[in-house]
């Protein structure tokens, strides 16, 4: 897999210097013996200098230059164009790569104390012996007992190679334990995998970050004799095109088209585009395993490339909701002094030539459309796919919604300014710690749930709201999810989630009913017919 990753060069996000990218001089500028671009740059510089020195209000030069660039970005009428300040550029890099300089732990404010809620493998924190549940009480010479998570994070992070002393309070110890840690580059995982009941492998891909394909490949090596695989791409905003292609390469046959892009040739007229096609290079890792992919309206960009490639080749059944529909390529260029500029530079297509770009206004709201005019393409297996922006699921399943009683609980907590989510997380964390200490799987007893519900009433929430029909069960479901997540048992978490997750439940039901990928498609068609018939009967009953 590492060799596979090194061979791909086509990327959704490009980072390169701007030197050599200027357009050639125009005929007019050549005739006059000067460069129009140089003249215009001088006009802009003089205008900024005049405003900075003579305007009634005082403006710093850097502020005016920033505003000028922002004005150019706004003029592009490109909803994906953006100028990043140095701080924003660092945040962008961390979000898209999962990399940052620190010690490798996740912290959360629980019971008003900054608590370690995850320790990433092969990081300074893990190697030093820090544990989930440790409470941060000091950083270097500072008392951190009253800090927020933001203050703790800012103090613990720092340049690679630098030192930080973190003092923690741990259950069973009378005095704080000091840890001398050397900061280094840390990678936050993009893939979370586990095995559900009935031997169904479950993999959640949060974002198409750097190393996502390698993490997917590693996860597949641990699924054993699974009868099927669910790849959850819901709420995945995408990321790097080359990582998306490598993800598809894991599942498709050598020679298969993974995607193609058309981008403007730098410095050439806008109509002159360079088209590049990426093809699968390596054997499929799990060629005979039935696969279901889960998508929703927040599945976008690189995640759509991945899903579109497998759907085009009949390699995966897609379940859920129509995806966002982002079929444009953004280039991110490094500018001087730590800034970055992002703008749209091309389009990409799925293996069958589908452009998944959904027409939207500048606020990214979908434009009106007529489903009767949507074009179709045919897969190698003879299935018809809609091509009108976004991935249309083979089996449409809407997301679950809260009941009126559940909404009333959340509203009551908000009105009372009661941090319901935080309290559930705190309670779940304690239960998870006890279970891990006893080497027990994720679980929640009825007595524990009753204890928590009673604590909500003690805190001031009305019993009529907390004990309304369905509400205790909803609270218990949320707590069970938190417990499984804290214990990093993502298969158990998926098993719990299924009770309130119709798309996941449909995926599991289908995988339990088949033994091959080919059997999944007619099974899904039968389920579509059943759901439509049920909906018609329900409508007729009213």
Protein backbone atom coordinates (compact mmCIF):
# COMPACT_ATOMS: atom_id res chain seq x y z
CA UNK A 1 0.00 0.00 0.00
CA UNK A 2 2.85 2.41 0.71
CA UNK A 3 4.14 1.95 -2.83
CA UNK A 4 0.60 2.47 -4.09
CA UNK A 5 0.41 5.80 -2.28
CA UNK A 6 3.72 7.05 -3.64
CA UNK A 7 2.75 6.49 -7.27
CA UNK A 8 -0.24 8.84 -7.43
CA UNK A 9 0.46 12.45 -8.31
CA UNK A 10 -2.96 13.84 -9.18
CA UNK A 11 -4.09 15.96 -6.23
CA UNK A 12 -7.19 17.90 -5.31
CA UNK A 13 -5.19 20.31 -3.17
CA UNK A 14 -1.99 21.60 -4.73
CA UNK A 15 0.66 23.61 -2.90
CA UNK A 16 3.36 25.31 -4.94
CA UNK A 17 5.11 28.68 -5.23
CA UNK A 18 3.68 31.30 -7.52
CA UNK A 19 6.91 31.88 -9.42
CA UNK A 20 6.61 31.21 -13.12
CA UNK A 21 2.80 31.31 -13.07
CA UNK A 22 2.32 34.82 -14.46
CA UNK A 23 0.58 35.15 -17.80
CA UNK A 24 2.75 36.32 -20.70
CA UNK A 25 2.69 40.04 -21.59
CA UNK A 26 -0.14 41.13 -23.84
CA UNK A 27 0.48 42.42 -27.33
CA UNK A 28 -0.49 45.90 -26.20
CA UNK A 29 1.98 45.91 -23.34
CA UNK A 30 4.76 44.60 -25.60
CA UNK A 31 4.09 47.30 -28.18
CA UNK A 32 4.40 50.00 -25.55
CA UNK A 33 7.61 48.50 -24.28
CA UNK A 34 6.26 48.00 -20.81
CA UNK A 35 4.42 45.41 -18.76
CA UNK A 36 0.79 46.33 -18.06
CA UNK A 37 0.83 44.09 -15.04
CA UNK A 38 3.74 46.01 -13.56
CA UNK A 39 1.92 49.30 -14.20
CA UNK A 40 -1.28 48.06 -12.54
CA UNK A 41 0.69 46.74 -9.58
CA UNK A 42 2.27 50.18 -9.18
CA UNK A 43 -1.15 51.86 -9.34
CA UNK A 44 -2.43 49.55 -6.61
CA UNK A 45 0.64 50.15 -4.44
CA UNK A 46 0.35 53.94 -4.85
CA UNK A 47 -3.38 53.89 -4.06
CA UNK A 48 -2.74 51.97 -0.85
CA UNK A 49 0.08 54.35 0.08
CA UNK A 50 -2.09 57.44 -0.51
CA UNK A 51 -5.04 56.06 1.48
CA UNK A 52 -2.76 54.92 4.30
CA UNK A 53 -1.07 58.34 4.61
CA UNK A 54 -3.86 60.81 3.80
CA UNK A 55 -7.29 59.30 4.48
CA UNK A 56 -9.22 60.93 7.33
CA UNK A 57 -9.31 57.58 9.10
CA UNK A 58 -6.09 55.74 9.88
CA UNK A 59 -5.53 52.44 8.05
CA UNK A 60 -2.47 50.29 8.34
CA UNK A 61 -0.80 49.32 5.06
CA UNK A 62 -1.17 45.60 5.81
CA UNK A 63 -4.91 46.05 6.41
CA UNK A 64 -5.36 47.74 3.04
CA UNK A 65 -3.34 45.11 1.19
CA UNK A 66 -5.41 42.41 2.86
CA UNK A 67 -8.60 44.17 1.80
CA UNK A 68 -7.33 44.48 -1.78
CA UNK A 69 -6.66 40.77 -2.01
CA UNK A 70 -9.99 39.97 -0.39
CA UNK A 71 -11.63 42.19 -3.00
CA UNK A 72 -9.99 40.20 -5.79
CA UNK A 73 -11.18 36.96 -4.22
CA UNK A 74 -14.73 38.31 -3.95
CA UNK A 75 -14.62 39.46 -7.59
CA UNK A 76 -13.97 35.87 -8.71
CA UNK A 77 -17.55 34.98 -7.71
CA UNK A 78 -16.10 31.64 -6.67
CA UNK A 79 -17.82 30.33 -3.52
CA UNK A 80 -14.83 28.10 -2.79
CA UNK A 81 -12.17 30.81 -3.16
CA UNK A 82 -10.59 31.99 0.07
CA UNK A 83 -7.55 33.86 1.35
CA UNK A 84 -6.02 32.31 4.47
CA UNK A 85 -4.13 34.38 7.01
CA UNK A 86 -1.12 32.63 8.59
CA UNK A 87 -3.23 31.43 11.52
CA UNK A 88 -6.06 30.30 9.21
CA UNK A 89 -3.52 28.59 6.94
CA UNK A 90 -2.24 26.58 9.89
CA UNK A 91 -5.81 25.59 10.79
CA UNK A 92 -6.45 24.61 7.17
CA UNK A 93 -3.34 22.41 7.10
CA UNK A 94 -4.34 20.71 10.33
CA UNK A 95 -7.93 20.12 9.20
CA UNK A 96 -7.00 18.68 5.81
CA UNK A 97 -3.99 16.62 6.85
CA UNK A 98 -4.80 15.70 10.44
CA UNK A 99 -1.25 16.77 11.29
CA UNK A 100 -0.18 19.16 14.01
CA UNK A 101 2.75 19.66 16.35
CA UNK A 102 1.95 18.48 19.85
CA UNK A 103 1.95 15.45 22.12
CA UNK A 104 -0.94 13.38 20.73
CA UNK A 105 -3.95 13.51 23.00
CA UNK A 106 -7.54 14.72 22.84
CA UNK A 107 -8.84 16.80 25.73
CA UNK A 108 -12.39 17.64 26.78
CA UNK A 109 -13.87 19.71 29.60
CA UNK A 110 -15.57 17.16 31.88
CA UNK A 111 -16.85 18.06 35.35
CA UNK A 112 -15.25 21.47 34.80
CA UNK A 113 -11.80 19.87 34.53
CA UNK A 114 -9.64 19.51 31.40
CA UNK A 115 -9.66 15.73 30.95
CA UNK A 116 -7.76 13.47 28.55
CA UNK A 117 -10.42 11.66 26.50
CA UNK A 118 -8.18 10.01 23.88
CA UNK A 119 -4.49 9.21 23.55
CA UNK A 120 -3.36 8.60 19.98
CA UNK A 121 -1.07 5.67 19.32
CA UNK A 122 2.64 6.13 18.66
CA UNK A 123 2.71 9.69 20.04
CA UNK A 124 4.70 11.32 22.88
CA UNK A 125 1.67 11.14 25.21
CA UNK A 126 1.12 7.43 24.55
CA UNK A 127 4.81 6.56 24.87
CA UNK A 128 5.09 8.47 28.17
CA UNK A 129 2.15 6.55 29.63
CA UNK A 130 -0.58 9.18 29.74
CA UNK A 131 -4.03 7.63 30.02
CA UNK A 132 -7.61 8.39 29.18
CA UNK A 133 -9.15 9.93 32.30
CA UNK A 134 -6.06 11.87 33.37
CA UNK A 135 -6.95 15.40 34.50
CA UNK A 136 -4.55 18.17 33.44
CA UNK A 137 -3.69 20.31 36.46
CA UNK A 138 -0.53 22.04 35.27
CA UNK A 139 1.45 22.94 32.16
CA UNK A 140 5.08 23.97 32.68
CA UNK A 141 5.05 26.34 35.62
CA UNK A 142 1.37 27.27 35.29
CA UNK A 143 -1.59 26.03 37.34
CA UNK A 144 -4.14 24.65 34.84
CA UNK A 145 -6.89 23.61 37.25
CA UNK A 146 -9.19 26.43 36.09
CA UNK A 147 -8.24 26.41 32.42
CA UNK A 148 -10.49 25.89 29.41
CA UNK A 149 -9.63 23.26 26.80
CA UNK A 150 -8.52 26.03 24.43
CA UNK A 151 -6.05 27.41 26.97
CA UNK A 152 -4.68 23.93 27.66
CA UNK A 153 -4.38 23.08 23.96
CA UNK A 154 -2.59 26.34 23.15
CA UNK A 155 -0.09 25.75 25.96
CA UNK A 156 0.56 22.07 25.28
CA UNK A 157 1.09 22.49 21.55
CA UNK A 158 4.30 24.01 20.26
CA UNK A 159 7.18 23.65 17.81
CA UNK A 160 8.44 20.18 16.92
CA UNK A 161 11.33 19.21 19.17
CA UNK A 162 10.44 21.60 21.99
CA UNK A 163 9.68 20.41 25.54
CA UNK A 164 6.53 20.71 27.63
CA UNK A 165 5.89 19.55 31.17
CA UNK A 166 2.32 18.37 31.75
CA UNK A 167 1.11 17.60 35.27
CA UNK A 168 -1.91 15.33 35.61
CA UNK A 169 -4.14 14.17 38.40
CA UNK A 170 -4.90 10.43 38.21
CA UNK A 171 -7.32 8.36 40.23
CA UNK A 172 -5.49 6.42 42.95
CA UNK A 173 -2.60 8.89 43.24
CA UNK A 174 -2.40 11.48 46.00
CA UNK A 175 -0.16 13.95 44.17
CA UNK A 176 0.01 15.16 40.56
CA UNK A 177 2.16 13.14 38.17
CA UNK A 178 4.54 15.15 35.96
CA UNK A 179 5.27 14.15 32.36
CA UNK A 180 8.16 15.69 30.43
CA UNK A 181 7.14 15.42 26.78
CA UNK A 182 8.94 16.33 23.57
CA UNK A 183 6.55 17.71 20.99
CA UNK A 184 6.56 16.20 17.53
CA UNK A 185 4.37 15.91 14.45
CA UNK A 186 1.09 14.15 15.32
CA UNK A 187 -1.43 12.67 12.91
CA UNK A 188 -5.12 12.45 13.85
CA UNK A 189 -6.68 9.30 12.34
CA UNK A 190 -9.24 9.61 9.55
CA UNK A 191 -10.42 5.99 9.72
CA UNK A 192 -12.22 4.28 12.61
CA UNK A 193 -12.99 0.59 12.20
CA UNK A 194 -14.57 -2.27 14.10
CA UNK A 195 -16.68 -5.39 13.72
CA UNK A 196 -20.41 -5.32 14.30
CA UNK A 197 -22.59 -8.23 15.31
CA UNK A 198 -23.14 -10.89 12.63
CA UNK A 199 -19.51 -10.45 11.49
CA UNK A 200 -20.11 -7.25 9.52
CA UNK A 201 -17.07 -4.98 9.25
CA UNK A 202 -17.74 -1.28 9.81
CA UNK A 203 -15.35 1.49 8.72
CA UNK A 204 -16.06 5.19 9.26
CA UNK A 205 -14.05 7.61 7.14
CA UNK A 206 -14.34 11.06 8.73
CA UNK A 207 -12.39 13.00 6.11
CA UNK A 208 -10.17 12.30 3.11
CA UNK A 209 -7.06 13.46 4.91
CA UNK A 210 -3.46 12.64 4.21
CA UNK A 211 -2.79 8.95 4.96
CA UNK A 212 -6.52 8.06 4.78
CA UNK A 213 -5.89 5.40 2.13
CA UNK A 214 -3.13 3.78 4.16
CA UNK A 215 -5.40 3.76 7.21
CA UNK A 216 -8.19 2.16 5.17
CA UNK A 217 -5.78 -0.47 3.89
CA UNK A 218 -4.63 -1.21 7.43
CA UNK A 219 -8.23 -1.50 8.66
CA UNK A 220 -9.07 -4.05 5.96
CA UNK A 221 -6.26 -6.26 7.17
CA UNK A 222 -8.05 -6.70 10.51
CA UNK A 223 -11.61 -7.52 9.42
CA UNK A 224 -11.00 -11.27 9.41
CA UNK A 225 -13.73 -13.41 7.89
CA UNK A 226 -16.33 -10.63 7.72
CA UNK A 227 -19.43 -11.43 5.67
CA UNK A 228 -19.74 -7.83 4.46
CA UNK A 229 -18.29 -4.33 4.76
CA UNK A 230 -19.99 -1.02 5.51
CA UNK A 231 -18.04 2.14 4.62
CA UNK A 232 -19.62 5.15 6.30
CA UNK A 233 -18.96 8.40 4.40
CA UNK A 234 -21.71 10.45 5.99
CA UNK A 235 -20.71 14.00 6.97
CA UNK A 236 -17.37 13.47 5.21
CA UNK A 237 -16.46 16.84 3.60
CA UNK A 238 -13.83 15.30 1.31
CA UNK A 239 -10.24 16.38 1.02
CA UNK A 240 -7.38 15.37 -1.24
CA UNK A 241 -8.09 13.99 -4.71
CA UNK A 242 -5.04 11.74 -4.76
CA UNK A 243 -6.11 10.15 -1.46
CA UNK A 244 -9.60 9.61 -2.92
CA UNK A 245 -8.06 7.86 -5.91
CA UNK A 246 -5.93 5.67 -3.68
CA UNK A 247 -9.01 4.75 -1.66
CA UNK A 248 -10.81 3.67 -4.84
CA UNK A 249 -7.69 1.81 -5.98
CA UNK A 250 -7.96 -0.42 -2.91
CA UNK A 251 -11.32 -1.80 -4.08
CA UNK A 252 -11.23 -1.78 -7.90
CA UNK A 253 -9.46 -3.92 -10.50
CA UNK A 254 -6.19 -2.83 -12.14
CA UNK A 255 -6.79 -0.75 -15.26
CA UNK A 256 -10.10 0.66 -14.03
CA UNK A 257 -10.56 4.41 -14.49
CA UNK A 258 -10.71 6.01 -11.07
CA UNK A 259 -11.54 9.58 -12.10
CA UNK A 260 -10.53 12.23 -14.59
CA UNK A 261 -9.89 15.93 -14.20
CA UNK A 262 -9.85 18.91 -16.54
CA UNK A 263 -7.85 21.90 -15.29
CA UNK A 264 -6.75 25.12 -16.90
CA UNK A 265 -3.18 25.15 -18.14
CA UNK A 266 -1.33 27.78 -16.01
CA UNK A 267 -0.84 30.98 -17.98
CA UNK A 268 -2.87 29.77 -20.97
CA UNK A 269 -6.31 31.03 -22.08
CA UNK A 270 -9.18 29.87 -19.85
CA UNK A 271 -10.55 27.64 -22.59
CA UNK A 272 -7.29 25.68 -22.80
CA UNK A 273 -7.58 22.79 -20.37
CA UNK A 274 -5.38 19.86 -19.53
CA UNK A 275 -7.26 16.58 -19.03
CA UNK A 276 -5.77 13.81 -16.96
CA UNK A 277 -7.15 10.35 -16.23
CA UNK A 278 -6.12 8.23 -13.25
CA UNK A 279 -6.29 4.45 -13.48
CA UNK A 280 -6.23 1.69 -10.90
CA UNK A 281 -2.77 0.13 -10.57
CA UNK A 282 -3.00 -2.56 -7.93
CA UNK A 283 -5.14 -5.64 -7.23
CA UNK A 284 -8.25 -5.15 -5.10
CA UNK A 285 -7.69 -5.90 -1.43
CA UNK A 286 -11.13 -7.46 -0.76
CA UNK A 287 -12.37 -8.47 -4.24
CA UNK A 288 -15.18 -10.77 -3.10
CA UNK A 289 -16.53 -8.91 -0.08
CA UNK A 290 -20.01 -7.34 -0.46
CA UNK A 291 -19.78 -3.58 0.23
CA UNK A 292 -22.37 -0.98 1.21
CA UNK A 293 -21.43 2.71 1.31
CA UNK A 294 -23.44 5.14 3.46
CA UNK A 295 -23.77 8.75 2.25
CA UNK A 296 -25.79 11.85 3.10
CA UNK A 297 -26.17 15.49 2.10
CA UNK A 298 -22.86 16.37 3.76
CA UNK A 299 -20.82 13.78 1.85
CA UNK A 300 -18.80 15.94 -0.53
CA UNK A 301 -15.77 16.38 -2.77
CA UNK A 302 -13.17 13.63 -2.35
CA UNK A 303 -15.67 11.40 -0.54
CA UNK A 304 -17.96 11.65 -3.59
CA UNK A 305 -15.06 10.71 -5.88
CA UNK A 306 -14.49 7.59 -3.80
CA UNK A 307 -18.18 6.65 -3.69
CA UNK A 308 -18.74 7.53 -7.35
CA UNK A 309 -15.91 5.29 -8.53
CA UNK A 310 -17.19 2.24 -6.65
CA UNK A 311 -20.80 2.93 -7.68
CA UNK A 312 -19.86 3.31 -11.36
CA UNK A 313 -18.20 -0.13 -11.35
CA UNK A 314 -21.00 -1.87 -9.40
CA UNK A 315 -18.47 -2.46 -6.62
CA UNK A 316 -20.57 -0.97 -3.84
CA UNK A 317 -24.25 -0.42 -3.11
CA UNK A 318 -24.82 3.20 -2.06
CA UNK A 319 -27.41 3.76 0.69
CA UNK A 320 -28.67 6.99 2.26
CA UNK A 321 -29.32 10.46 0.86
CA UNK A 322 -28.19 12.41 -2.19
CA UNK A 323 -24.71 13.79 -1.59
CA UNK A 324 -23.67 17.45 -1.61
CA UNK A 325 -22.50 17.58 -5.23
CA UNK A 326 -19.06 19.21 -5.28
CA UNK A 327 -17.32 18.30 -8.52
CA UNK A 328 -14.84 21.17 -8.68
CA UNK A 329 -11.10 21.05 -8.07
CA UNK A 330 -9.60 23.67 -5.77
CA UNK A 331 -5.95 24.62 -5.94
CA UNK A 332 -4.29 25.95 -2.80
CA UNK A 333 -1.25 28.10 -3.52
CA UNK A 334 1.27 29.18 -0.92
CA UNK A 335 1.75 32.96 -0.75
CA UNK A 336 4.57 34.83 0.99
CA UNK A 337 4.59 35.28 4.77
CA UNK A 338 2.53 32.23 5.67
CA UNK A 339 -0.61 32.99 3.67
CA UNK A 340 -2.45 30.68 1.28
CA UNK A 341 -4.88 31.34 -1.57
CA UNK A 342 -7.53 28.79 -2.53
CA UNK A 343 -9.54 28.99 -5.76
CA UNK A 344 -11.32 26.77 -8.27
CA UNK A 345 -9.04 25.54 -11.03
CA UNK A 346 -10.81 22.58 -12.64
CA UNK A 347 -13.54 19.96 -12.67
CA UNK A 348 -13.45 16.21 -12.13
CA UNK A 349 -15.57 13.35 -13.46
CA UNK A 350 -16.35 9.83 -12.27
CA UNK A 351 -15.26 6.78 -14.31
CA UNK A 352 -18.49 6.91 -16.35
CA UNK A 353 -17.97 10.61 -17.07
CA UNK A 354 -20.43 11.91 -14.49
CA UNK A 355 -19.80 15.44 -13.35
CA UNK A 356 -21.10 15.50 -9.80
CA UNK A 357 -21.13 19.30 -9.55
CA UNK A 358 -24.60 20.38 -8.42
CA UNK A 359 -25.60 23.88 -9.55
CA UNK A 360 -25.70 26.28 -6.60
CA UNK A 361 -25.84 30.01 -5.97
CA UNK A 362 -23.00 31.98 -4.41
CA UNK A 363 -24.32 31.07 -0.96
CA UNK A 364 -24.03 27.37 -1.96
CA UNK A 365 -27.80 26.88 -1.93
CA UNK A 366 -29.00 24.37 -4.58
CA UNK A 367 -30.70 25.92 -7.60
CA UNK A 368 -34.17 24.71 -8.72
CA UNK A 369 -34.07 21.58 -10.88
CA UNK A 370 -36.43 19.28 -12.77
CA UNK A 371 -35.91 15.57 -11.92
CA UNK A 372 -37.61 14.60 -15.18
CA UNK A 373 -34.65 16.05 -17.09
CA UNK A 374 -31.92 14.26 -15.15
CA UNK A 375 -29.63 12.29 -17.51
CA UNK A 376 -28.74 8.66 -16.89
CA UNK A 377 -25.64 6.53 -17.39
CA UNK A 378 -25.39 2.76 -17.45
CA UNK A 379 -22.92 0.78 -15.35
CA UNK A 380 -21.06 -2.32 -16.61
CA UNK A 381 -23.63 -4.39 -14.74
CA UNK A 382 -26.52 -2.72 -16.56
CA UNK A 383 -27.72 -0.49 -13.72
CA UNK A 384 -28.90 3.05 -14.47
CA UNK A 385 -27.35 5.86 -12.43
CA UNK A 386 -28.62 9.43 -12.27
CA UNK A 387 -26.12 12.10 -13.21
CA UNK A 388 -27.42 15.48 -12.11
CA UNK A 389 -25.06 16.61 -9.39
CA UNK A 390 -24.07 14.57 -6.38
CA UNK A 391 -24.30 10.82 -5.84
CA UNK A 392 -27.85 9.49 -5.96
CA UNK A 393 -28.12 6.48 -3.62
CA UNK A 394 -29.15 3.09 -4.98
CA UNK A 395 -31.35 2.76 -1.89
CA UNK A 396 -32.64 6.14 -0.64
CA UNK A 397 -33.07 6.21 3.15
CA UNK A 398 -33.82 9.40 5.07
CA UNK A 399 -32.07 10.14 8.35
CA UNK A 400 -33.84 9.68 11.67
CA UNK A 401 -35.45 12.69 13.35
CA UNK A 402 -36.13 13.54 16.97
CA UNK A 403 -39.57 12.92 18.42
CA UNK A 404 -41.58 15.74 19.96
CA UNK A 405 -40.72 14.50 23.46
CA UNK A 406 -37.00 14.35 22.63
CA UNK A 407 -37.14 17.87 21.23
CA UNK A 408 -38.90 19.00 24.40
CA UNK A 409 -36.03 17.56 26.48
CA UNK A 410 -33.41 19.42 24.48
CA UNK A 411 -35.43 22.65 24.60
CA UNK A 412 -35.94 22.35 28.36
CA UNK A 413 -32.21 21.82 28.87
CA UNK A 414 -31.46 24.85 26.71
CA UNK A 415 -33.98 27.05 28.50
CA UNK A 416 -32.47 26.04 31.84
CA UNK A 417 -28.95 26.53 30.49
CA UNK A 418 -28.25 22.96 31.53
CA UNK A 419 -25.35 21.30 29.60
CA UNK A 420 -27.14 18.05 28.81
CA UNK A 421 -24.59 16.83 26.28
CA UNK A 422 -21.67 17.49 28.63
CA UNK A 423 -23.39 15.70 31.52
CA UNK A 424 -24.08 12.66 29.34
CA UNK A 425 -20.44 12.65 28.24
CA UNK A 426 -19.22 12.86 31.83
CA UNK A 427 -21.47 10.02 32.97
CA UNK A 428 -20.50 7.89 29.96
CA UNK A 429 -16.83 8.50 30.63
CA UNK A 430 -17.10 7.22 34.19
CA UNK A 431 -19.02 4.10 33.11
CA UNK A 432 -16.50 3.45 30.33
CA UNK A 433 -13.58 3.75 32.75
CA UNK A 434 -15.14 1.19 35.11
CA UNK A 435 -15.81 -1.20 32.23
CA UNK A 436 -12.25 -0.91 30.90
CA UNK A 437 -10.82 -1.50 34.38
CA UNK A 438 -12.93 -4.67 34.63
CA UNK A 439 -12.04 -5.70 31.05
CA UNK A 440 -15.72 -5.67 30.11
CA UNK A 441 -17.30 -4.71 26.75
CA UNK A 442 -19.38 -1.51 26.36
CA UNK A 443 -22.66 -1.74 28.29
CA UNK A 444 -25.16 0.27 30.31
CA UNK A 445 -27.40 -1.26 32.97
CA UNK A 446 -30.95 -0.15 33.64
CA UNK A 447 -29.90 0.86 37.15
CA UNK A 448 -27.19 3.15 35.73
CA UNK A 449 -29.64 4.72 33.30
CA UNK A 450 -32.18 5.27 36.09
CA UNK A 451 -29.44 6.90 38.17
CA UNK A 452 -28.61 9.34 35.40
CA UNK A 453 -32.24 10.19 34.65
CA UNK A 454 -32.79 10.89 38.35
CA UNK A 455 -29.73 13.16 38.36
CA UNK A 456 -31.33 15.28 35.64
CA UNK A 457 -34.40 15.77 37.79
CA UNK A 458 -32.22 16.61 40.79
CA UNK A 459 -30.48 19.23 38.65
CA UNK A 460 -33.82 20.93 37.99
CA UNK A 461 -35.23 19.41 34.80
CA UNK A 462 -38.92 18.59 35.07
CA UNK A 463 -39.79 14.89 35.60
CA UNK A 464 -42.62 15.36 33.09
CA UNK A 465 -40.01 16.13 30.45
CA UNK A 466 -37.27 13.70 31.50
CA UNK A 467 -39.64 10.75 32.00
CA UNK A 468 -41.88 11.41 29.00
CA UNK A 469 -42.49 8.37 26.76
CA UNK A 470 -39.37 7.49 24.78
CA UNK A 471 -37.10 10.04 26.45
CA UNK A 472 -35.27 7.70 28.88
CA UNK A 473 -34.65 5.30 25.99
CA UNK A 474 -33.24 8.17 23.91
CA UNK A 475 -30.95 9.24 26.76
CA UNK A 476 -29.79 5.66 27.20
CA UNK A 477 -29.05 5.39 23.48
CA UNK A 478 -26.90 8.52 23.56
CA UNK A 479 -25.01 7.30 26.63
CA UNK A 480 -24.37 3.87 25.09
CA UNK A 481 -22.93 5.59 22.00
CA UNK A 482 -20.63 7.66 24.18
CA UNK A 483 -19.50 4.63 26.18
CA UNK A 484 -18.58 2.64 23.06
CA UNK A 485 -16.78 5.67 21.60
CA UNK A 486 -14.79 6.24 24.81
CA UNK A 487 -13.80 2.58 24.77
CA UNK A 488 -12.85 2.88 21.07
CA UNK A 489 -15.09 -0.07 20.22
CA UNK A 490 -16.42 1.26 16.92
CA UNK A 491 -18.16 -1.98 16.00
CA UNK A 492 -20.17 -1.85 19.24
CA UNK A 493 -20.84 1.85 18.64
CA UNK A 494 -22.29 1.02 15.22
CA UNK A 495 -24.43 -1.73 16.75
CA UNK A 496 -25.86 0.80 19.20
CA UNK A 497 -26.28 3.49 16.54
CA UNK A 498 -28.32 1.15 14.35
CA UNK A 499 -31.34 1.51 16.65
CA UNK A 500 -31.74 5.15 15.54
CA UNK A 501 -29.96 4.97 12.19
CA UNK A 502 -32.27 3.73 9.38
CA UNK A 503 -29.56 3.78 6.69
CA UNK A 504 -27.16 1.73 8.79
CA UNK A 505 -29.96 -0.66 9.73
CA UNK A 506 -30.84 -1.17 6.04
CA UNK A 507 -27.18 -1.80 5.20
CA UNK A 508 -26.89 -4.46 7.89
CA UNK A 509 -30.16 -6.12 6.86
CA UNK A 510 -29.07 -6.31 3.22
CA UNK A 511 -25.60 -7.65 4.01
CA UNK A 512 -27.11 -10.35 6.21
CA UNK A 513 -29.34 -11.46 3.32
CA UNK A 514 -26.64 -11.94 0.64
CA UNK A 515 -23.29 -13.58 0.10
CA UNK A 516 -22.03 -11.67 -2.98
CA UNK A 517 -21.94 -8.10 -4.27
CA UNK A 518 -24.05 -9.09 -7.29
CA UNK A 519 -26.86 -10.23 -4.97
CA UNK A 520 -26.92 -6.87 -3.19
CA UNK A 521 -28.39 -4.91 -6.10
CA UNK A 522 -31.59 -6.94 -6.68
CA UNK A 523 -32.01 -7.17 -2.89
CA UNK A 524 -31.83 -3.37 -2.72
CA UNK A 525 -34.31 -3.00 -5.60
CA UNK A 526 -36.74 -5.26 -3.76
CA UNK A 527 -36.29 -3.14 -0.63
CA UNK A 528 -36.95 0.05 -2.62
CA UNK A 529 -40.17 -1.47 -3.94
CA UNK A 530 -41.19 -2.54 -0.43
CA UNK A 531 -40.50 0.91 1.04
CA UNK A 532 -42.42 2.62 -1.78
CA UNK A 533 -45.37 0.29 -1.28
CA UNK A 534 -45.31 0.93 2.46
CA UNK A 535 -45.20 4.69 1.89
CA UNK A 536 -48.12 4.51 -0.54
CA UNK A 537 -50.15 2.46 1.90
CA UNK A 538 -49.38 4.90 4.70
CA UNK A 539 -50.42 7.87 2.55
CA UNK A 540 -53.63 6.11 1.55
CA UNK A 541 -54.45 5.44 5.18
CA UNK A 542 -54.71 9.16 5.86
